[in-house]
Each structure stands twice: as C-alpha cells, then as structure tokens.
C-alpha cells in the first residue's frame, strides 16, 4: 500500500496516491485515514475500495463534533 502521508519539513502533506484512492472529497478523511483496507478487501474484494463501516462511522462522528462544538459556542 502506498504511504499515506509524507513529511515535508514540519508540514504533513497528503500523499497524492492516497487522496486519489480515498476519493479526495470526503470531509471525514482526516478522521478515518481511509478506513481499514482489510475490511474493504473482505467486503468489496479489493483493499483499494472504501471501507463502508469506517466511512459511515467517521462521517457520523464528524457531524456530531461539528454540532456539539456549535452548541458549546452558543
């Protein structure tokens, strides 16, 4: 599997292969890191597919964090 990130000085830059693999447009990508390749391989037949369980969970947690933070600001 390609390296998920490479360190450039003090900034962690996303690996372009990983971003392309992950779809590049998921708001929760930083939380799940792309899910579990083993789960994707077992459920979808390829470790390069999306791990739906991790995807669903990460998006739900992200939404909760956003709304909880918003509520605490009010």
N, C-alpha and C. Protein backbone atom coordinates (compact mmCIF):
# COMPACT_ATOMS: atom_id res chain seq x y z
N UNK A 1 0.85 -1.17 0.00
CA UNK A 1 0.00 0.00 0.00
C UNK A 1 0.89 1.23 0.00
N UNK A 2 0.47 2.26 -0.68
CA UNK A 2 1.24 3.49 -0.75
C UNK A 2 1.28 4.16 0.62
N UNK A 3 2.33 4.87 0.87
CA UNK A 3 2.47 5.62 2.11
C UNK A 3 1.37 6.67 2.16
N UNK A 4 0.68 6.81 3.28
CA UNK A 4 -0.48 7.69 3.35
C UNK A 4 -0.09 9.16 3.43
N UNK A 5 1.04 9.48 3.98
CA UNK A 5 1.47 10.87 4.04
C UNK A 5 2.98 10.91 4.05
N UNK A 6 3.52 12.01 3.60
CA UNK A 6 4.96 12.17 3.68
C UNK A 6 5.24 13.48 4.38
N UNK A 7 6.28 13.52 5.16
CA UNK A 7 6.61 14.72 5.91
C UNK A 7 7.45 15.63 5.03
N UNK A 8 7.01 16.87 4.89
CA UNK A 8 7.74 17.86 4.12
C UNK A 8 8.08 18.98 5.10
N UNK A 9 9.32 18.98 5.61
CA UNK A 9 9.68 19.94 6.64
C UNK A 9 8.87 19.65 7.89
N UNK A 10 8.09 20.63 8.33
CA UNK A 10 7.24 20.42 9.51
C UNK A 10 5.78 20.27 9.12
N UNK A 11 5.50 20.21 7.83
CA UNK A 11 4.12 20.09 7.36
C UNK A 11 3.89 18.68 6.82
N UNK A 12 2.81 18.05 7.23
CA UNK A 12 2.48 16.73 6.69
C UNK A 12 1.62 16.95 5.45
N UNK A 13 2.15 16.53 4.31
CA UNK A 13 1.44 16.69 3.04
C UNK A 13 0.75 15.39 2.68
N UNK A 14 -0.51 15.44 2.24
CA UNK A 14 -1.17 14.20 1.85
C UNK A 14 -0.51 13.58 0.63
N UNK A 15 -0.37 12.28 0.68
CA UNK A 15 0.17 11.55 -0.46
C UNK A 15 -0.89 11.57 -1.56
N UNK A 16 -0.51 12.00 -2.75
CA UNK A 16 -1.49 12.13 -3.82
C UNK A 16 -2.11 10.79 -4.21
N UNK A 17 -1.36 9.70 -4.12
CA UNK A 17 -1.93 8.38 -4.40
C UNK A 17 -3.04 8.05 -3.41
N UNK A 18 -2.81 8.37 -2.14
CA UNK A 18 -3.79 8.08 -1.10
C UNK A 18 -5.04 8.94 -1.29
N UNK A 19 -4.86 10.22 -1.57
CA UNK A 19 -6.01 11.10 -1.77
C UNK A 19 -6.83 10.64 -2.96
N UNK A 20 -6.17 10.24 -4.04
CA UNK A 20 -6.87 9.74 -5.22
C UNK A 20 -7.62 8.45 -4.87
N UNK A 21 -6.96 7.57 -4.10
CA UNK A 21 -7.57 6.30 -3.70
C UNK A 21 -8.79 6.55 -2.83
N UNK A 22 -8.71 7.52 -1.94
CA UNK A 22 -9.79 7.78 -1.00
C UNK A 22 -10.91 8.62 -1.60
N UNK A 23 -10.77 9.04 -2.81
CA UNK A 23 -11.81 9.82 -3.46
C UNK A 23 -11.52 11.31 -3.41
N UNK A 24 -10.71 11.74 -2.47
CA UNK A 24 -10.29 13.13 -2.42
C UNK A 24 -11.35 14.12 -2.00
N UNK A 25 -12.59 13.72 -1.82
CA UNK A 25 -13.63 14.69 -1.49
C UNK A 25 -14.42 14.33 -0.24
N UNK A 26 -13.87 13.50 0.60
CA UNK A 26 -14.57 13.09 1.82
C UNK A 26 -14.22 14.05 2.96
N UNK A 27 -15.22 14.65 3.60
CA UNK A 27 -14.93 15.59 4.69
C UNK A 27 -14.35 14.91 5.92
N UNK A 28 -14.57 13.62 6.07
CA UNK A 28 -14.10 12.90 7.27
C UNK A 28 -12.81 12.12 7.03
N UNK A 29 -12.16 12.35 5.91
CA UNK A 29 -10.96 11.57 5.56
C UNK A 29 -9.87 11.69 6.62
N UNK A 30 -9.71 12.86 7.19
CA UNK A 30 -8.67 13.04 8.21
C UNK A 30 -8.98 12.25 9.48
N UNK A 31 -10.23 11.94 9.72
CA UNK A 31 -10.61 11.19 10.92
C UNK A 31 -10.40 9.69 10.76
N UNK A 32 -10.73 9.16 9.61
CA UNK A 32 -10.68 7.71 9.43
C UNK A 32 -9.39 7.25 8.77
N UNK A 33 -8.73 8.14 8.05
CA UNK A 33 -7.50 7.76 7.37
C UNK A 33 -7.72 6.79 6.22
N UNK A 34 -8.94 6.70 5.76
CA UNK A 34 -9.24 5.81 4.64
C UNK A 34 -9.86 4.49 5.05
N UNK A 35 -10.10 4.32 6.33
CA UNK A 35 -10.72 3.08 6.79
C UNK A 35 -9.73 1.93 6.85
N UNK A 36 -10.26 0.75 6.96
CA UNK A 36 -9.44 -0.45 7.10
C UNK A 36 -9.35 -1.18 5.75
N UNK A 37 -8.15 -1.26 5.17
CA UNK A 37 -8.00 -1.96 3.90
C UNK A 37 -8.43 -3.43 3.98
N UNK A 38 -8.21 -4.08 5.11
CA UNK A 38 -8.59 -5.49 5.26
C UNK A 38 -10.11 -5.65 5.20
N UNK A 39 -10.84 -4.74 5.85
CA UNK A 39 -12.31 -4.80 5.79
C UNK A 39 -12.80 -4.57 4.36
N UNK A 40 -12.20 -3.61 3.68
CA UNK A 40 -12.61 -3.34 2.30
C UNK A 40 -12.34 -4.55 1.41
N UNK A 41 -11.23 -5.20 1.63
CA UNK A 41 -10.91 -6.39 0.83
C UNK A 41 -11.90 -7.52 1.09
N UNK A 42 -12.26 -7.70 2.36
CA UNK A 42 -13.20 -8.77 2.70
C UNK A 42 -14.62 -8.49 2.18
N UNK A 43 -15.05 -7.23 2.27
CA UNK A 43 -16.44 -6.92 1.89
C UNK A 43 -16.61 -6.55 0.43
N UNK A 44 -15.57 -5.94 -0.18
CA UNK A 44 -15.70 -5.46 -1.55
C UNK A 44 -14.77 -6.15 -2.54
N UNK A 45 -13.86 -6.99 -2.02
CA UNK A 45 -12.98 -7.72 -2.91
C UNK A 45 -11.68 -7.02 -3.27
N UNK A 46 -11.48 -5.80 -2.77
CA UNK A 46 -10.25 -5.07 -3.05
C UNK A 46 -9.93 -4.13 -1.90
N UNK A 47 -8.68 -4.14 -1.48
CA UNK A 47 -8.29 -3.25 -0.39
C UNK A 47 -8.27 -1.79 -0.82
N UNK A 48 -8.40 -1.52 -2.10
CA UNK A 48 -8.41 -0.15 -2.60
C UNK A 48 -9.82 0.43 -2.68
N UNK A 49 -10.83 -0.35 -2.26
CA UNK A 49 -12.21 0.15 -2.22
C UNK A 49 -12.48 0.80 -0.87
N UNK A 50 -13.63 1.42 -0.73
CA UNK A 50 -13.99 2.12 0.50
C UNK A 50 -14.46 1.14 1.57
N UNK A 51 -14.00 1.35 2.79
CA UNK A 51 -14.47 0.58 3.94
C UNK A 51 -15.74 1.28 4.43
N UNK A 52 -16.90 0.78 4.04
CA UNK A 52 -18.17 1.45 4.31
C UNK A 52 -18.45 1.63 5.80
N UNK A 53 -18.07 0.66 6.63
CA UNK A 53 -18.31 0.77 8.07
C UNK A 53 -17.54 1.95 8.64
N UNK A 54 -16.27 2.07 8.32
CA UNK A 54 -15.46 3.18 8.80
C UNK A 54 -15.96 4.50 8.24
N UNK A 55 -16.40 4.49 6.99
CA UNK A 55 -16.91 5.69 6.33
C UNK A 55 -18.17 6.21 7.04
N UNK A 56 -19.10 5.34 7.27
CA UNK A 56 -20.34 5.71 7.94
C UNK A 56 -20.07 6.23 9.35
N UNK A 57 -19.24 5.52 10.08
CA UNK A 57 -18.91 5.91 11.45
C UNK A 57 -18.19 7.25 11.49
N UNK A 58 -17.18 7.43 10.66
CA UNK A 58 -16.39 8.67 10.66
C UNK A 58 -17.24 9.88 10.29
N UNK A 59 -18.11 9.73 9.31
CA UNK A 59 -18.98 10.84 8.92
C UNK A 59 -19.98 11.19 10.02
N UNK A 60 -20.51 10.19 10.71
CA UNK A 60 -21.44 10.44 11.82
C UNK A 60 -20.73 11.14 12.97
N UNK A 61 -19.52 10.70 13.30
CA UNK A 61 -18.75 11.34 14.38
C UNK A 61 -18.39 12.77 14.01
N UNK A 62 -17.98 13.00 12.76
CA UNK A 62 -17.65 14.35 12.31
C UNK A 62 -18.85 15.27 12.45
N UNK A 63 -20.02 14.81 12.01
CA UNK A 63 -21.22 15.64 12.13
C UNK A 63 -21.53 15.94 13.60
N UNK A 64 -21.38 14.94 14.46
CA UNK A 64 -21.63 15.15 15.90
C UNK A 64 -20.65 16.17 16.46
N UNK A 65 -19.38 16.06 16.10
CA UNK A 65 -18.36 17.01 16.60
C UNK A 65 -18.70 18.43 16.16
N UNK A 66 -19.09 18.60 14.91
CA UNK A 66 -19.43 19.93 14.41
C UNK A 66 -20.62 20.52 15.18
N UNK A 67 -21.70 19.75 15.32
CA UNK A 67 -22.88 20.25 16.01
C UNK A 67 -22.63 20.45 17.51
N UNK A 68 -21.84 19.58 18.12
CA UNK A 68 -21.52 19.74 19.54
C UNK A 68 -20.69 21.00 19.77
N UNK A 69 -19.72 21.22 18.90
CA UNK A 69 -18.90 22.45 19.01
C UNK A 69 -19.75 23.68 18.80
N UNK A 70 -20.64 23.65 17.82
CA UNK A 70 -21.54 24.77 17.57
C UNK A 70 -22.42 25.05 18.79
N UNK A 71 -22.95 24.00 19.42
CA UNK A 71 -23.82 24.16 20.59
C UNK A 71 -23.04 24.76 21.76
N UNK A 72 -21.79 24.40 21.90
CA UNK A 72 -20.99 24.94 23.01
C UNK A 72 -20.60 26.39 22.78
N UNK A 73 -20.61 26.84 21.54
CA UNK A 73 -20.28 28.22 21.23
C UNK A 73 -21.45 29.17 21.49
N UNK A 74 -22.66 28.63 21.51
CA UNK A 74 -23.85 29.48 21.67
C UNK A 74 -24.07 29.91 23.10
